[in-house]
N, C-alpha and C. Protein backbone atom coordinates (compact mmCIF):
# COMPACT_ATOMS: atom_id res chain seq x y z
N MET A 1 186.11 243.33 290.45
CA MET A 1 185.63 242.20 291.01
C MET A 1 184.17 242.41 291.55
N LEU A 2 183.62 241.20 291.86
CA LEU A 2 182.28 241.18 292.51
C LEU A 2 182.40 240.51 294.08
N THR A 3 181.57 241.20 294.76
CA THR A 3 181.47 240.64 295.97
C THR A 3 180.22 240.07 296.52
N ASN A 4 180.16 239.18 296.83
CA ASN A 4 178.86 238.55 297.70
C ASN A 4 178.50 238.72 299.05
N THR A 5 177.42 238.44 299.68
CA THR A 5 177.04 238.73 300.95
C THR A 5 178.13 238.43 302.02
N SER A 6 178.73 237.22 301.92
CA SER A 6 179.68 237.02 302.79
C SER A 6 181.14 237.57 302.91
N SER A 7 181.13 238.55 302.14
CA SER A 7 182.28 239.57 301.88
C SER A 7 183.26 238.52 301.30
N GLU A 8 183.22 237.82 300.27
CA GLU A 8 184.18 237.04 299.65
C GLU A 8 184.28 237.91 298.25
N SER A 9 185.46 237.96 297.91
CA SER A 9 185.63 238.43 296.32
C SER A 9 185.84 237.27 295.62
N ARG A 10 185.18 237.59 294.25
CA ARG A 10 185.00 236.64 293.26
C ARG A 10 185.39 237.17 291.90
N THR A 11 186.02 236.66 290.82
CA THR A 11 186.13 237.19 289.72
C THR A 11 184.81 237.02 288.67
N ASP A 12 184.75 237.55 287.81
CA ASP A 12 183.39 237.73 286.91
C ASP A 12 183.21 235.93 286.44
N GLY A 13 184.20 235.47 286.27
CA GLY A 13 184.37 233.91 285.69
C GLY A 13 183.69 233.02 286.54
N GLU A 14 184.13 233.25 287.83
CA GLU A 14 183.85 232.31 288.96
C GLU A 14 182.47 232.70 289.00
N THR A 15 181.87 233.75 289.25
CA THR A 15 180.36 233.87 289.36
C THR A 15 179.68 233.66 288.37
N GLU A 16 180.05 233.78 287.13
CA GLU A 16 179.32 233.01 286.00
C GLU A 16 179.17 231.74 285.88
N ALA A 17 180.19 231.11 286.27
CA ALA A 17 180.23 229.46 286.23
C ALA A 17 179.17 229.07 287.37
N GLN A 18 179.31 229.91 288.53
CA GLN A 18 178.40 229.42 289.52
C GLN A 18 176.87 229.62 289.08
N VAL A 19 176.46 230.61 288.40
CA VAL A 19 175.35 231.07 288.26
C VAL A 19 174.80 230.03 286.90
N GLY A 20 175.73 229.87 286.21
CA GLY A 20 175.39 229.13 284.85
C GLY A 20 175.17 227.77 285.17
N ASP A 21 175.75 227.17 286.30
CA ASP A 21 175.42 225.66 286.79
C ASP A 21 173.83 225.64 287.09
N LYS A 22 173.33 226.82 287.68
CA LYS A 22 172.07 226.62 288.23
C LYS A 22 170.78 226.79 287.21
N THR A 23 171.23 227.42 286.06
CA THR A 23 170.02 227.71 285.30
C THR A 23 169.49 226.42 284.75
N LEU A 24 167.80 226.49 284.26
CA LEU A 24 167.55 225.67 283.90
C LEU A 24 167.64 225.01 282.58
N LEU A 25 168.32 225.84 281.80
CA LEU A 25 168.62 225.33 280.25
C LEU A 25 170.03 224.58 280.59
N ALA A 26 170.87 224.53 281.58
CA ALA A 26 171.87 223.61 281.77
C ALA A 26 171.77 222.41 282.09
N ARG A 27 170.54 222.30 282.82
CA ARG A 27 170.30 220.77 283.38
C ARG A 27 169.76 219.94 282.21
N LYS A 28 170.21 218.63 282.63
CA LYS A 28 169.29 217.70 281.87
C LYS A 28 168.04 217.22 282.49
N ILE A 29 167.18 217.41 281.76
CA ILE A 29 165.64 216.87 282.29
C ILE A 29 165.52 215.20 281.80
N TRP A 30 165.04 214.46 282.65
CA TRP A 30 164.71 213.07 282.17
C TRP A 30 163.13 213.16 282.16
N LEU A 31 162.73 212.75 281.15
CA LEU A 31 161.39 212.58 281.01
C LEU A 31 160.96 211.16 280.79
N PRO A 32 159.52 210.84 281.09
CA PRO A 32 159.28 209.49 281.02
C PRO A 32 159.25 209.19 279.60
N LYS A 33 159.33 207.91 278.96
CA LYS A 33 159.45 207.46 277.77
C LYS A 33 158.05 207.81 277.08
N LEU A 34 157.01 207.71 277.48
CA LEU A 34 155.99 208.13 276.80
C LEU A 34 155.74 209.45 276.29
N ILE A 35 156.00 210.25 277.53
CA ILE A 35 156.16 211.96 277.44
C ILE A 35 157.11 212.07 276.22
N TYR A 36 158.36 211.53 276.22
CA TYR A 36 159.44 211.89 275.40
C TYR A 36 159.09 211.47 274.03
N ASP A 37 158.31 210.29 273.67
CA ASP A 37 158.03 209.79 272.42
C ASP A 37 156.80 210.57 272.04
N ALA A 38 155.90 211.38 272.81
CA ALA A 38 154.89 211.99 272.09
C ALA A 38 155.35 213.39 271.88
N LEU A 39 156.30 213.97 272.24
CA LEU A 39 156.62 215.12 272.09
C LEU A 39 156.66 216.11 270.77
N PRO A 40 157.00 215.10 269.65
CA PRO A 40 156.93 215.67 268.33
C PRO A 40 155.53 215.95 267.84
N PHE A 41 154.62 214.83 268.26
CA PHE A 41 153.31 214.74 267.75
C PHE A 41 152.75 215.76 268.54
N PHE A 42 152.74 216.21 269.71
CA PHE A 42 152.51 217.39 270.45
C PHE A 42 152.45 218.53 269.91
N TYR A 43 154.13 218.77 269.47
CA TYR A 43 154.20 220.02 268.69
C TYR A 43 153.56 220.28 267.34
N VAL A 44 153.40 219.27 266.57
CA VAL A 44 152.60 219.21 265.46
C VAL A 44 151.22 219.64 265.69
N THR A 45 150.46 218.71 266.61
CA THR A 45 149.33 219.03 267.00
C THR A 45 148.87 220.30 267.58
N ALA A 46 149.75 221.19 268.37
CA ALA A 46 149.79 222.40 268.76
C ALA A 46 149.83 223.36 267.69
N GLY A 47 150.77 222.99 266.63
CA GLY A 47 150.77 224.02 265.42
C GLY A 47 149.80 223.95 264.59
N PHE A 48 149.27 222.81 264.32
CA PHE A 48 148.03 222.74 263.53
C PHE A 48 146.72 223.31 264.19
N ALA A 49 146.61 223.03 265.47
CA ALA A 49 145.50 223.77 266.48
C ALA A 49 145.59 225.25 266.47
N ALA A 50 146.72 225.93 266.57
CA ALA A 50 146.92 227.28 266.31
C ALA A 50 146.50 227.72 265.07
N LEU A 51 147.10 226.90 263.92
CA LEU A 51 146.90 227.38 262.39
C LEU A 51 145.19 227.69 262.40
N PHE A 52 144.57 226.42 262.80
CA PHE A 52 143.13 226.42 262.50
C PHE A 52 142.44 227.54 263.48
N SER A 53 143.07 227.84 264.52
CA SER A 53 142.39 228.70 265.49
C SER A 53 142.26 229.93 264.72
N THR A 54 143.28 230.54 263.75
CA THR A 54 143.14 231.54 263.20
C THR A 54 142.03 231.97 262.43
N LEU A 55 141.26 230.55 261.81
CA LEU A 55 140.02 230.76 261.19
C LEU A 55 138.79 231.44 262.16
N TYR A 56 139.01 231.37 263.16
CA TYR A 56 137.75 231.91 264.20
C TYR A 56 138.16 233.18 264.83
N ILE A 57 139.29 233.89 264.43
CA ILE A 57 139.62 235.08 264.93
C ILE A 57 138.96 236.07 264.06
N ASN A 58 137.85 236.84 264.61
CA ASN A 58 137.33 238.02 263.83
C ASN A 58 137.45 239.39 264.14
N HIS A 59 137.67 239.67 265.13
CA HIS A 59 137.82 241.21 265.50
C HIS A 59 139.42 241.34 265.91
N TRP A 60 140.10 240.42 266.38
CA TRP A 60 141.61 240.97 266.76
C TRP A 60 142.47 240.56 265.43
N LEU A 61 142.46 241.01 264.50
CA LEU A 61 143.13 240.59 263.22
C LEU A 61 144.85 240.74 263.52
N TRP A 62 145.10 241.53 264.49
CA TRP A 62 146.61 241.75 264.83
C TRP A 62 147.19 240.66 265.54
N VAL A 63 146.24 239.65 265.94
CA VAL A 63 146.79 238.45 266.55
C VAL A 63 147.27 237.40 265.53
N VAL A 64 146.41 237.43 264.26
CA VAL A 64 146.61 236.39 263.26
C VAL A 64 148.10 236.15 263.09
N PRO A 65 149.03 237.23 262.62
CA PRO A 65 149.97 236.82 262.44
C PRO A 65 151.03 236.20 263.37
N HIS A 66 150.70 236.28 264.80
CA HIS A 66 151.33 235.83 265.80
C HIS A 66 151.11 234.10 265.77
N TYR A 67 149.73 233.99 265.59
CA TYR A 67 149.32 232.52 265.64
C TYR A 67 149.94 231.72 264.62
N VAL A 68 150.12 232.47 263.47
CA VAL A 68 150.55 231.75 262.02
C VAL A 68 152.06 231.48 262.39
N LEU A 69 152.77 232.31 262.95
CA LEU A 69 154.30 232.31 263.34
C LEU A 69 154.23 231.24 264.39
N PHE A 70 153.60 231.11 265.33
CA PHE A 70 153.53 230.08 266.40
C PHE A 70 153.33 228.64 265.79
N SER A 71 152.32 228.63 264.84
CA SER A 71 152.14 227.58 264.38
C SER A 71 153.18 227.04 263.32
N ALA A 72 153.63 227.69 262.65
CA ALA A 72 154.65 227.25 261.72
C ALA A 72 156.05 226.84 262.58
N ALA A 73 156.47 227.59 263.76
CA ALA A 73 157.42 227.15 264.52
C ALA A 73 157.32 225.81 265.11
N CYS A 74 155.98 225.47 265.68
CA CYS A 74 155.38 224.37 266.26
C CYS A 74 155.63 223.34 265.20
N VAL A 75 155.17 223.41 264.05
CA VAL A 75 155.23 222.31 262.98
C VAL A 75 156.60 221.90 262.55
N HIS A 76 157.53 222.95 262.41
CA HIS A 76 158.68 223.14 262.08
C HIS A 76 159.43 222.28 263.11
N LEU A 77 159.27 222.64 264.41
CA LEU A 77 159.92 222.01 265.36
C LEU A 77 159.53 220.46 265.59
N GLY A 78 158.19 220.41 265.58
CA GLY A 78 157.68 218.68 265.65
C GLY A 78 158.42 218.02 264.54
N TRP A 79 158.34 218.53 263.21
CA TRP A 79 158.58 217.73 262.30
C TRP A 79 160.39 217.51 262.24
N SER A 80 160.87 218.17 262.94
CA SER A 80 162.52 218.19 262.95
C SER A 80 162.77 217.19 264.08
N VAL A 81 162.11 217.25 265.10
CA VAL A 81 162.47 216.41 266.26
C VAL A 81 162.26 215.14 265.79
N TYR A 82 161.13 214.80 265.19
CA TYR A 82 160.58 213.49 264.70
C TYR A 82 161.49 212.99 263.53
N ARG A 83 161.95 213.83 262.67
CA ARG A 83 162.83 213.17 261.68
C ARG A 83 164.30 213.12 262.26
N LYS A 84 164.58 213.78 263.17
CA LYS A 84 165.95 213.51 263.84
C LYS A 84 166.17 212.40 264.58
N ARG A 85 165.01 212.27 265.31
CA ARG A 85 164.77 210.88 265.95
C ARG A 85 164.84 209.55 265.12
N ARG A 86 164.10 209.56 264.03
CA ARG A 86 164.00 208.59 263.20
C ARG A 86 164.98 208.17 262.21
N THR A 87 165.81 209.49 261.79
CA THR A 87 167.10 209.12 261.10
C THR A 87 168.52 209.17 261.91
N ALA A 88 168.39 208.90 263.21
CA ALA A 88 169.59 209.06 263.90
C ALA A 88 170.28 207.78 263.49
N PRO A 89 171.57 207.96 263.43
CA PRO A 89 172.45 206.53 263.33
C PRO A 89 172.07 205.67 264.25
N ALA A 90 172.18 203.99 263.83
CA ALA A 90 171.88 203.28 264.78
C ALA A 90 173.13 202.85 265.39
N THR A 91 173.27 202.80 266.66
CA THR A 91 174.54 202.21 266.95
C THR A 91 174.22 200.75 267.50
N SER A 92 174.93 200.14 266.71
CA SER A 92 174.60 198.49 266.87
C SER A 92 176.36 197.95 267.52
N ALA A 93 176.02 196.98 268.24
CA ALA A 93 177.13 196.44 268.96
C ALA A 93 177.73 195.55 268.00
N GLU A 94 177.26 195.16 266.81
CA GLU A 94 177.82 194.05 266.20
C GLU A 94 178.23 194.90 265.14
N GLU A 95 179.67 194.70 264.93
CA GLU A 95 180.51 195.49 263.90
C GLU A 95 180.87 194.26 262.93
N PRO A 96 180.60 194.47 261.52
CA PRO A 96 181.24 193.29 260.60
C PRO A 96 182.33 193.04 260.82
N ALA A 97 182.79 191.72 260.82
CA ALA A 97 183.85 191.23 260.85
C ALA A 97 184.60 191.15 259.71
N GLU A 98 185.96 191.55 259.61
CA GLU A 98 186.67 191.40 258.46
C GLU A 98 187.37 190.08 258.31
N SER A 99 187.16 189.55 257.06
CA SER A 99 187.51 188.15 256.58
C SER A 99 188.63 188.40 256.38
N ALA A 100 190.03 187.50 256.58
CA ALA A 100 191.32 187.71 256.09
C ALA A 100 191.55 186.75 254.94
């Protein structure tokens, strides 16, 4: 059993549920539509910027693989988000009426 400062005893599950509800990853974040629509393009732009910045690295060659990995991850994430948003099934209120 775990105890908190108010000397109440809790089980592990209760403590995890309480802490899990307060994490940033568990919260829904609402973004303005402009920012939400621009995110895939930002990811792709950041990826290509990181990829092209490797051309200017002269002395720190150990950094290049990190930049390339980051750029590949950004481009892949941006393309995946863009493709997922564009190919999402359209939810239409109009269902085709069956004729008898």
